[in-house]
Amino acid sequence: MAQTSTRGHRSRKLALLGGSTTARDCIIALGHILNPRRLVDGPDISAYEDAFAKVVDTGHAISFAAGRVGLYGILKAAGIGAGDEVLLQVPTHIVVANAIRYTGAQPVYVDCELDSYNIDLDQADAQVTPRTRALILQHTFGIPVDMDRAAEIASRNGLLLIEDCVHALGARYRGRPVGSLSAAAFFSTEETKTISTTMGGMVTTGDPALAEKVRSFQASCSSPSASTVIRYLLKLVIYYGLTEPSVHRYSRAAYELLGRRHPLPRPTVLEELQGRKPPGYERRFSNGQAAVALEQLRKLSRNLAHRRRAADGWEQALRDHGFRLPKPPEGAEPAYVRYPVWVDDRERVVQALESRLVVGTWFTSVLEEALDPAVGDYVAGSCPRAEQAARHLINLPTHGRVSSRDVAEISEVLISTAPTGIPSPAA
């Protein structure tokens, strides 16, 4: 399996996390830990919101502790609740479904397409009922949805259009940034995303009335405790060191040995995996994290350019070898947070690449991380393409620590492991 290509690099192992964080980010994080007066509250929050609104080219940006809280705030601001239905695709994460369910509304799951892993808009249109109030559009892996078709469906049916941009900061559709193409959108800066503050979320909207209601919800949320913010910022710093490729093979083994016993904060708590609303769910973003986010926004264009080069490298290396690669819709300019690849035998591929790469396996379930998709009211068999994707998708890193040499060598192993002519998924 292409052993010669990995010779001399056996101590280097790429992580999926930590690739957007720099030493400068860590210095900023440590500086705020040492200055408690600016740790939780301070001017960096409003500065970050203003900067984010400019990046997304929208009138308003409102920060929260997580993207899921932002979605919950959008739904509450729109008056969506008991008796209402909200359309969303699978695969997605359980926390997206939970945000709908916590309002009292019902998530209605729509299957994905297998070209882009985005929502099947024809099926979404067919599933609209008199109770349907909103349509959530996940730009999966950073691939924009066909927004022209989505807008037509929403307009004809009187639906609130919401973009799920947690994978897609920097992506564009027909020249416009995602997050500015609908009534409202939500983003994430969780540790696996395009920029990272360990945890964090943002709502964007061009509607002043909706923005006012979301800000009112933000004001009702609690501030994070100082200890919580310190743990987030320390995790950012620790991950920066532990995900350095020359040490990651050893740190990863220790991390997996500890399992859930390690003291670092987790993106998703047990109650959420069970579909229940955890205490302190409605929470604001911190000033210390905002300072890190501001620094990362200043470097965003360089970050995105690198991700484009890495994604192009994966596509060029794999396209002639039978792999099913993503096909964005016309007018879409992806910003791949990770590059998805369909493989026949995922377990074999993960094992083959283990010495060089922590292979991403979003999504291993139609509702990622849920203890059982049924906790999010998903009915098994209702979205067969998404269930296939959950068995066959891997994803490859695009972050700043991925070099062209990494792409070439890892692709060589991948090609030798997964033979050409991989069967296409069922329609």
Protein backbone atom coordinates (compact mmCIF):
# COMPACT_ATOMS: atom_id res chain seq x y z
CA MET A 1 0.00 0.00 0.00
CA ALA A 2 2.37 2.66 -1.25
CA GLN A 3 4.82 2.11 1.57
CA THR A 4 7.60 3.94 -0.24
CA SER A 5 5.69 7.22 -0.26
CA THR A 6 5.50 7.34 3.54
CA ARG A 7 9.15 6.47 4.15
CA GLY A 8 10.86 9.16 6.20
CA HIS A 9 7.56 10.55 7.45
CA ARG A 10 6.53 7.93 9.97
CA SER A 11 6.68 10.46 12.84
CA ARG A 12 4.31 12.86 11.04
CA LYS A 13 0.56 12.37 11.42
CA LEU A 14 -2.04 14.92 10.34
CA ALA A 15 -4.88 15.84 12.65
CA LEU A 16 -8.28 17.08 11.59
CA LEU A 17 -8.30 19.62 14.44
CA GLY A 18 -6.11 22.59 15.21
CA GLY A 19 -5.10 23.46 11.70
CA SER A 20 -6.51 26.99 11.72
CA THR A 21 -4.98 28.03 15.03
CA THR A 22 -1.64 29.85 15.09
CA ALA A 23 0.88 30.75 17.78
CA ARG A 24 -0.46 34.33 17.68
CA ASP A 25 -3.96 33.05 18.51
CA CYS A 26 -2.53 31.16 21.48
CA ILE A 27 -0.75 34.28 22.74
CA ILE A 28 -4.02 36.22 22.59
CA ALA A 29 -5.84 33.43 24.42
CA LEU A 30 -3.24 33.25 27.19
CA GLY A 31 -3.24 37.05 27.50
CA HIS A 32 -6.96 37.04 28.22
CA ILE A 33 -6.64 34.19 30.70
CA LEU A 34 -4.15 36.36 32.60
CA ASN A 35 -6.46 39.41 32.44
CA PRO A 36 -9.75 38.29 34.07
CA ARG A 37 -11.34 41.74 33.69
CA ARG A 38 -11.54 41.23 29.91
CA LEU A 39 -12.13 37.51 29.94
CA VAL A 40 -15.95 37.28 29.87
CA ASP A 41 -17.18 40.76 28.90
CA GLY A 42 -15.45 43.45 26.87
CA PRO A 43 -15.25 45.41 23.62
CA ASP A 44 -13.95 42.56 21.48
CA ILE A 45 -17.43 41.00 21.29
CA SER A 46 -19.02 43.92 19.43
CA ALA A 47 -15.87 44.40 17.33
CA TYR A 48 -16.02 40.75 16.31
CA GLU A 49 -19.71 40.96 15.45
CA ASP A 50 -19.07 44.04 13.28
CA ALA A 51 -16.13 42.37 11.53
CA PHE A 52 -18.11 39.19 10.91
CA ALA A 53 -21.01 41.13 9.39
CA LYS A 54 -18.57 42.73 6.95
CA VAL A 55 -17.03 39.38 6.00
CA VAL A 56 -20.47 37.91 5.28
CA ASP A 57 -21.71 41.16 3.69
CA THR A 58 -24.83 41.37 5.80
CA GLY A 59 -26.25 44.07 8.02
CA HIS A 60 -26.19 42.30 11.36
CA ALA A 61 -24.16 39.64 13.17
CA ILE A 62 -25.07 38.45 16.68
CA SER A 63 -22.78 36.12 18.64
CA PHE A 64 -23.65 33.15 20.84
CA ALA A 65 -21.87 30.40 22.73
CA ALA A 66 -22.56 27.95 19.88
CA GLY A 67 -24.12 27.88 16.42
CA ARG A 68 -26.97 25.70 17.74
CA VAL A 69 -27.92 28.43 20.22
CA GLY A 70 -27.97 30.91 17.35
CA LEU A 71 -30.36 28.67 15.39
CA TYR A 72 -32.58 28.34 18.45
CA GLY A 73 -32.59 32.14 18.74
CA ILE A 74 -33.58 32.56 15.08
CA LEU A 75 -36.48 30.13 15.47
CA LYS A 76 -37.67 31.80 18.68
CA ALA A 77 -37.39 35.25 17.10
CA ALA A 78 -39.52 34.04 14.16
CA GLY A 79 -42.20 32.76 16.53
CA ILE A 80 -41.71 29.13 15.54
CA GLY A 81 -42.89 26.69 18.19
CA ALA A 82 -45.39 23.98 19.09
CA GLY A 83 -47.43 22.73 16.16
CA ASP A 84 -44.96 24.01 13.55
CA GLU A 85 -42.71 21.98 11.24
CA VAL A 86 -39.19 22.81 10.08
CA LEU A 87 -37.63 21.10 7.06
CA LEU A 88 -33.97 20.14 7.27
CA GLN A 89 -31.72 17.63 5.61
CA VAL A 90 -29.92 14.58 6.80
CA PRO A 91 -27.14 13.87 7.32
CA THR A 92 -26.75 16.63 9.87
CA HIS A 93 -25.80 16.90 13.53
CA ILE A 94 -28.16 16.04 16.37
CA VAL A 95 -27.72 19.55 17.81
CA VAL A 96 -29.42 21.08 14.75
CA ALA A 97 -32.46 18.85 15.18
CA ASN A 98 -32.40 19.55 18.91
CA ALA A 99 -32.56 23.33 18.40
CA ILE A 100 -35.82 22.82 16.49
CA ARG A 101 -37.24 20.37 19.01
CA TYR A 102 -36.39 22.63 21.98
CA THR A 103 -38.78 25.26 20.57
CA GLY A 104 -41.60 22.70 20.53
CA ALA A 105 -41.56 22.49 16.71
CA GLN A 106 -41.12 19.25 14.79
CA PRO A 107 -38.09 18.55 12.58
CA VAL A 108 -39.07 17.05 9.23
CA TYR A 109 -36.14 15.27 7.61
CA VAL A 110 -35.38 15.51 3.90
CA ASP A 111 -32.95 13.21 2.09
CA CYS A 112 -29.71 14.52 0.58
CA GLU A 113 -28.40 14.49 -2.96
CA LEU A 114 -25.29 12.39 -3.54
CA ASP A 115 -23.51 14.91 -5.74
CA SER A 116 -23.16 17.62 -3.10
CA TYR A 117 -24.55 15.93 0.07
CA ASN A 118 -26.87 18.93 0.31
CA ILE A 119 -30.64 18.83 0.68
CA ASP A 120 -32.76 17.33 -2.11
CA LEU A 121 -34.81 20.43 -2.89
CA ASP A 122 -37.39 18.58 -4.99
CA GLN A 123 -38.11 16.32 -2.05
CA ALA A 124 -38.20 19.31 0.31
CA ASP A 125 -40.78 20.98 -1.92
CA ALA A 126 -42.91 17.84 -1.87
CA GLN A 127 -42.78 17.63 1.94
CA VAL A 128 -44.17 21.11 2.60
CA THR A 129 -47.46 21.03 4.54
CA PRO A 130 -49.70 23.78 5.96
CA ARG A 131 -47.73 23.43 9.21
CA THR A 132 -44.30 24.00 7.60
CA ARG A 133 -42.78 27.31 8.73
CA ALA A 134 -39.10 27.16 7.81
CA LEU A 135 -36.56 25.49 5.53
CA ILE A 136 -33.00 25.05 6.82
CA LEU A 137 -30.30 24.75 4.16
CA GLN A 138 -27.06 23.09 5.24
CA HIS A 139 -24.10 23.99 3.02
CA THR A 140 -22.57 20.59 3.66
CA PHE A 141 -18.77 20.45 3.93
CA GLY A 142 -18.78 24.06 2.63
CA ILE A 143 -20.62 23.30 -0.66
CA PRO A 144 -23.34 25.92 -1.23
CA VAL A 145 -26.90 24.80 -1.80
CA ASP A 146 -28.67 25.76 -5.05
CA MET A 147 -29.99 28.97 -3.51
CA ASP A 148 -32.02 30.05 -6.57
CA ARG A 149 -34.15 26.92 -6.36
CA ALA A 150 -34.37 27.13 -2.57
CA ALA A 151 -35.50 30.75 -2.65
CA GLU A 152 -38.21 29.90 -5.19
CA ILE A 153 -39.55 27.11 -2.97
CA ALA A 154 -39.49 29.32 0.12
CA SER A 155 -41.21 32.22 -1.62
CA ARG A 156 -43.95 30.07 -3.14
CA ASN A 157 -44.70 28.36 0.18
CA GLY A 158 -44.23 31.32 2.51
CA LEU A 159 -41.30 29.70 4.36
CA LEU A 160 -38.57 31.30 6.41
CA LEU A 161 -35.28 30.43 4.70
CA ILE A 162 -32.38 29.75 7.11
CA GLU A 163 -28.83 28.92 6.02
CA ASP A 164 -26.79 26.45 8.09
CA CYS A 165 -23.29 27.80 7.41
CA VAL A 166 -21.41 25.94 10.12
CA HIS A 167 -19.19 24.25 7.48
CA ALA A 168 -19.16 27.09 5.01
CA LEU A 169 -17.57 30.35 6.17
CA GLY A 170 -16.11 31.93 3.03
CA ALA A 171 -18.19 29.98 0.51
CA ARG A 172 -20.10 31.89 -2.18
CA TYR A 173 -23.08 31.40 -4.43
CA ARG A 174 -23.18 33.42 -7.65
CA GLY A 175 -20.57 35.72 -6.16
CA ARG A 176 -22.36 36.40 -2.86
CA PRO A 177 -21.21 35.05 0.52
CA VAL A 178 -23.26 32.31 2.12
CA GLY A 179 -24.95 33.72 5.17
CA SER A 180 -26.27 36.69 3.18
CA LEU A 181 -28.60 34.74 0.89
CA SER A 182 -31.58 34.14 3.19
CA ALA A 183 -33.65 35.66 5.97
CA ALA A 184 -31.07 34.48 8.52
CA ALA A 185 -28.08 32.19 8.86
CA PHE A 186 -25.99 30.64 11.61
CA PHE A 187 -22.28 29.83 11.75
CA SER A 188 -20.01 27.90 14.11
CA THR A 189 -16.46 28.49 15.32
CA GLU A 190 -16.28 25.17 17.15
CA GLU A 191 -12.90 23.41 17.10
CA THR A 192 -13.50 21.52 13.83
CA LYS A 193 -14.62 24.53 11.78
CA THR A 194 -12.96 26.99 9.35
CA ILE A 195 -11.95 29.30 12.19
CA SER A 196 -11.88 28.07 15.77
CA THR A 197 -12.56 29.57 19.18
CA THR A 198 -13.06 26.04 20.63
CA MET A 199 -16.78 26.84 20.83
CA GLY A 200 -18.82 29.71 19.43
CA GLY A 201 -21.60 30.68 17.07
CA MET A 202 -22.90 33.60 15.04
CA VAL A 203 -26.24 34.60 13.54
CA THR A 204 -26.30 36.85 10.46
CA THR A 205 -29.29 38.61 8.95
CA GLY A 206 -30.07 41.57 6.74
CA ASP A 207 -33.50 42.06 8.35
CA PRO A 208 -33.35 44.80 11.04
CA ALA A 209 -36.58 43.64 12.71
CA LEU A 210 -35.40 40.03 12.94
CA ALA A 211 -31.96 41.20 14.14
CA GLU A 212 -33.61 43.19 16.94
CA LYS A 213 -35.50 40.12 18.12
CA VAL A 214 -32.37 37.93 17.97
CA ARG A 215 -30.46 40.57 19.96
CA SER A 216 -33.23 40.57 22.53
CA PHE A 217 -32.82 36.81 22.81
CA GLN A 218 -29.04 37.26 23.10
CA ALA A 219 -29.57 39.72 25.98
CA SER A 220 -31.70 37.11 27.79
CA CYS A 221 -28.92 34.51 27.59
CA SER A 222 -26.52 34.00 30.47
CA SER A 223 -22.85 34.90 30.31
CA PRO A 224 -20.37 32.03 30.46
CA SER A 225 -18.51 31.59 33.70
CA ALA A 226 -14.89 32.69 33.85
CA SER A 227 -13.82 29.09 34.46
CA THR A 228 -15.66 27.93 31.33
CA VAL A 229 -13.96 30.57 29.18
CA ILE A 230 -10.55 29.68 30.65
CA ARG A 231 -11.13 26.02 29.79
CA TYR A 232 -12.11 26.90 26.21
CA LEU A 233 -9.03 29.08 25.73
CA LEU A 234 -6.72 26.54 27.34
CA LYS A 235 -8.13 23.83 25.07
CA LEU A 236 -7.36 26.03 22.06
CA VAL A 237 -3.74 26.36 23.19
CA ILE A 238 -3.38 22.68 24.11
CA TYR A 239 -4.82 21.54 20.78
CA TYR A 240 -2.43 23.82 18.93
CA GLY A 241 0.46 21.87 20.46
CA LEU A 242 -1.03 18.39 20.46
CA THR A 243 -2.16 18.53 16.83
CA GLU A 244 1.27 19.49 15.51
CA PRO A 245 1.95 16.65 13.01
CA SER A 246 5.27 15.51 14.53
CA VAL A 247 3.65 14.85 17.93
CA HIS A 248 0.07 14.04 17.00
CA ARG A 249 0.53 10.29 16.62
CA TYR A 250 1.52 10.14 20.31
CA SER A 251 -0.93 12.72 21.66
CA ARG A 252 -3.79 11.09 19.75
CA ALA A 253 -3.06 7.71 21.33
CA ALA A 254 -3.08 9.27 24.80
CA TYR A 255 -6.28 11.21 24.06
CA GLU A 256 -8.10 8.07 22.89
CA LEU A 257 -6.82 6.13 25.91
CA LEU A 258 -8.34 8.74 28.22
CA GLY A 259 -11.62 8.69 26.28
CA ARG A 260 -14.30 10.78 27.99
CA ARG A 261 -12.26 10.92 31.19
CA HIS A 262 -10.11 13.84 30.04
CA PRO A 263 -10.82 17.25 31.66
CA LEU A 264 -11.10 19.35 28.47
CA PRO A 265 -14.56 20.73 27.58
CA ARG A 266 -16.56 18.81 25.00
CA PRO A 267 -18.47 20.35 22.09
CA THR A 268 -21.60 18.29 22.79
CA VAL A 269 -22.73 17.18 26.24
CA LEU A 270 -24.52 13.93 27.06
CA GLU A 271 -27.98 15.49 27.36
CA GLU A 272 -27.73 16.75 23.77
CA LEU A 273 -26.68 13.33 22.50
CA GLN A 274 -29.82 12.00 24.19
CA GLY A 275 -31.95 14.72 22.58
CA ARG A 276 -32.52 16.59 25.86
CA LYS A 277 -31.91 20.28 26.53
CA PRO A 278 -28.94 20.75 28.87
CA PRO A 279 -28.83 23.32 31.69
CA GLY A 280 -27.34 26.65 30.62
CA TYR A 281 -28.08 26.03 26.92
CA GLU A 282 -28.93 29.69 26.20
CA ARG A 283 -25.52 31.30 26.61
CA ARG A 284 -23.58 34.22 25.18
CA PHE A 285 -20.10 34.36 23.66
CA SER A 286 -17.10 35.56 25.67
CA ASN A 287 -14.77 38.50 25.11
CA GLY A 288 -11.66 36.31 25.29
CA GLN A 289 -12.91 34.02 22.54
CA ALA A 290 -13.98 37.05 20.48
CA ALA A 291 -10.43 38.40 20.61
CA VAL A 292 -9.14 35.12 19.16
CA ALA A 293 -11.89 35.13 16.53
CA LEU A 294 -10.98 38.67 15.46
CA GLU A 295 -7.40 37.59 14.89
CA GLN A 296 -8.56 34.58 12.86
CA LEU A 297 -10.87 36.74 10.73
CA ARG A 298 -7.88 38.93 9.83
CA LYS A 299 -6.22 35.81 8.38
CA LEU A 300 -9.38 34.41 6.79
CA SER A 301 -8.49 35.10 3.16
CA ARG A 302 -5.17 33.24 3.56
CA ASN A 303 -6.95 30.42 5.41
CA LEU A 304 -9.52 30.06 2.62
CA ALA A 305 -6.91 30.21 -0.15
CA HIS A 306 -5.03 27.34 1.48
CA ARG A 307 -8.21 25.30 1.82
CA ARG A 308 -9.00 25.85 -1.86
CA ARG A 309 -5.52 24.63 -2.84
CA ALA A 310 -5.84 21.56 -0.62
CA ALA A 311 -9.29 20.71 -1.97
CA ASP A 312 -8.05 21.16 -5.55
CA GLY A 313 -5.15 18.87 -4.70
CA TRP A 314 -7.42 16.12 -3.39
CA GLU A 315 -9.69 16.46 -6.44
CA GLN A 316 -6.81 16.33 -8.93
CA ALA A 317 -5.15 13.37 -7.22
CA LEU A 318 -8.30 11.25 -6.91
CA ARG A 319 -10.55 12.16 -9.83
CA ASP A 320 -9.21 9.57 -12.29
CA HIS A 321 -9.25 6.64 -9.86
CA GLY A 322 -12.92 5.76 -9.50
CA PHE A 323 -13.72 7.79 -6.41
CA ARG A 324 -17.05 9.54 -6.06
CA LEU A 325 -16.08 13.18 -5.50
CA PRO A 326 -18.37 16.13 -4.74
CA LYS A 327 -20.08 18.04 -7.56
CA PRO A 328 -21.16 21.54 -6.48
CA PRO A 329 -24.23 23.08 -8.13
CA GLU A 330 -23.86 25.69 -10.86
CA GLY A 331 -22.82 29.05 -9.43
CA ALA A 332 -21.43 27.55 -6.22
CA GLU A 333 -17.93 28.42 -4.98
CA PRO A 334 -17.23 25.96 -2.14
CA ALA A 335 -15.03 26.72 0.85
CA TYR A 336 -14.33 23.16 1.95
CA VAL A 337 -13.92 22.86 5.69
CA ARG A 338 -13.17 19.21 4.80
CA TYR A 339 -13.13 17.44 1.45
CA PRO A 340 -15.67 14.57 1.25
CA VAL A 341 -14.90 11.32 -0.58
CA TRP A 342 -17.18 8.29 -1.00
CA VAL A 343 -15.35 4.99 -0.43
CA ASP A 344 -16.60 1.43 -0.66
CA ASP A 345 -14.98 0.09 2.50
CA ARG A 346 -14.57 2.90 5.01
CA GLU A 347 -13.08 0.77 7.76
CA ARG A 348 -10.34 -0.51 5.45
CA VAL A 349 -9.50 3.01 4.27
CA VAL A 350 -9.33 4.40 7.81
CA GLN A 351 -6.97 1.59 8.85
CA ALA A 352 -4.77 2.04 5.78
CA LEU A 353 -4.32 5.76 6.42
CA GLU A 354 -3.95 5.46 10.19
CA SER A 355 -0.19 6.04 10.19
CA ARG A 356 -0.48 9.34 8.30
CA LEU A 357 -3.87 10.85 9.00
CA VAL A 358 -6.80 10.93 11.39
CA VAL A 359 -9.44 10.29 8.73
CA GLY A 360 -12.62 12.30 9.14
CA THR A 361 -15.85 10.32 9.25
CA TRP A 362 -18.55 13.01 9.29
CA PHE A 363 -21.20 11.62 9.13
CA THR A 364 -21.34 8.16 10.68
CA SER A 365 -25.05 8.61 11.39
CA VAL A 366 -27.82 10.58 9.75
CA LEU A 367 -27.91 12.52 13.04
CA GLU A 368 -24.23 12.74 13.92
CA GLU A 369 -23.32 11.85 17.51
CA ALA A 370 -26.89 11.06 18.58
CA LEU A 371 -27.01 8.01 20.82
CA ASP A 372 -29.74 6.88 18.41
CA PRO A 373 -31.27 8.90 15.52
CA ALA A 374 -34.67 8.13 17.06
CA VAL A 375 -33.93 10.60 19.87
CA GLY A 376 -34.21 13.32 17.20
CA ASP A 377 -37.46 11.80 15.88
CA TYR A 378 -35.77 10.35 12.79
CA VAL A 379 -37.51 7.30 11.31
CA ALA A 380 -35.07 4.66 10.06
CA GLY A 381 -35.29 4.09 6.31
CA SER A 382 -36.98 7.43 5.56
CA CYS A 383 -33.89 8.99 3.94
CA PRO A 384 -32.01 6.12 2.25
CA ARG A 385 -29.38 8.21 0.45
CA ALA A 386 -28.33 9.89 3.68
CA GLU A 387 -28.12 6.50 5.36
CA GLN A 388 -25.83 5.29 2.57
CA ALA A 389 -23.65 8.37 2.93
CA ALA A 390 -23.36 7.69 6.64
CA ARG A 391 -21.86 4.28 5.80
CA HIS A 392 -19.47 5.35 3.05
CA LEU A 393 -18.26 8.93 3.47
CA ILE A 394 -14.83 9.92 4.66
CA ASN A 395 -13.46 13.44 4.64
CA LEU A 396 -9.96 14.77 4.18
CA PRO A 397 -8.40 17.83 5.85
CA THR A 398 -7.96 21.16 4.12
CA HIS A 399 -6.54 23.23 7.00
CA GLY A 400 -3.25 25.10 7.09
CA ARG A 401 -1.10 22.20 8.25
CA VAL A 402 -1.90 20.14 5.14
CA SER A 403 0.90 20.47 2.58
CA SER A 404 0.87 19.55 -1.10
CA ARG A 405 3.25 16.72 -0.22
CA ASP A 406 0.76 15.42 2.36
CA VAL A 407 -1.99 15.46 -0.25
CA ALA A 408 0.15 13.56 -2.78
CA GLU A 409 1.38 10.91 -0.35
CA ILE A 410 -1.95 10.31 1.38
CA SER A 411 -3.73 10.14 -1.97
CA GLU A 412 -1.26 7.49 -3.11
CA VAL A 413 -2.13 5.31 -0.12
CA LEU A 414 -5.83 5.96 -0.60
CA ILE A 415 -5.70 5.01 -4.27
CA SER A 416 -3.83 1.79 -3.54
CA THR A 417 -6.31 0.89 -0.78
CA ALA A 418 -9.56 1.65 -2.59
CA PRO A 419 -9.38 0.24 -6.13
CA THR A 420 -10.70 2.02 -9.19
CA GLY A 421 -14.26 1.42 -10.24
CA ILE A 422 -15.84 1.85 -6.81
CA PRO A 423 -19.54 1.11 -7.28
CA SER A 424 -21.75 4.19 -7.37
CA PRO A 425 -24.35 4.44 -4.61
CA ALA A 426 -27.91 3.50 -5.34
CA ALA A 427 -30.05 6.34 -6.66
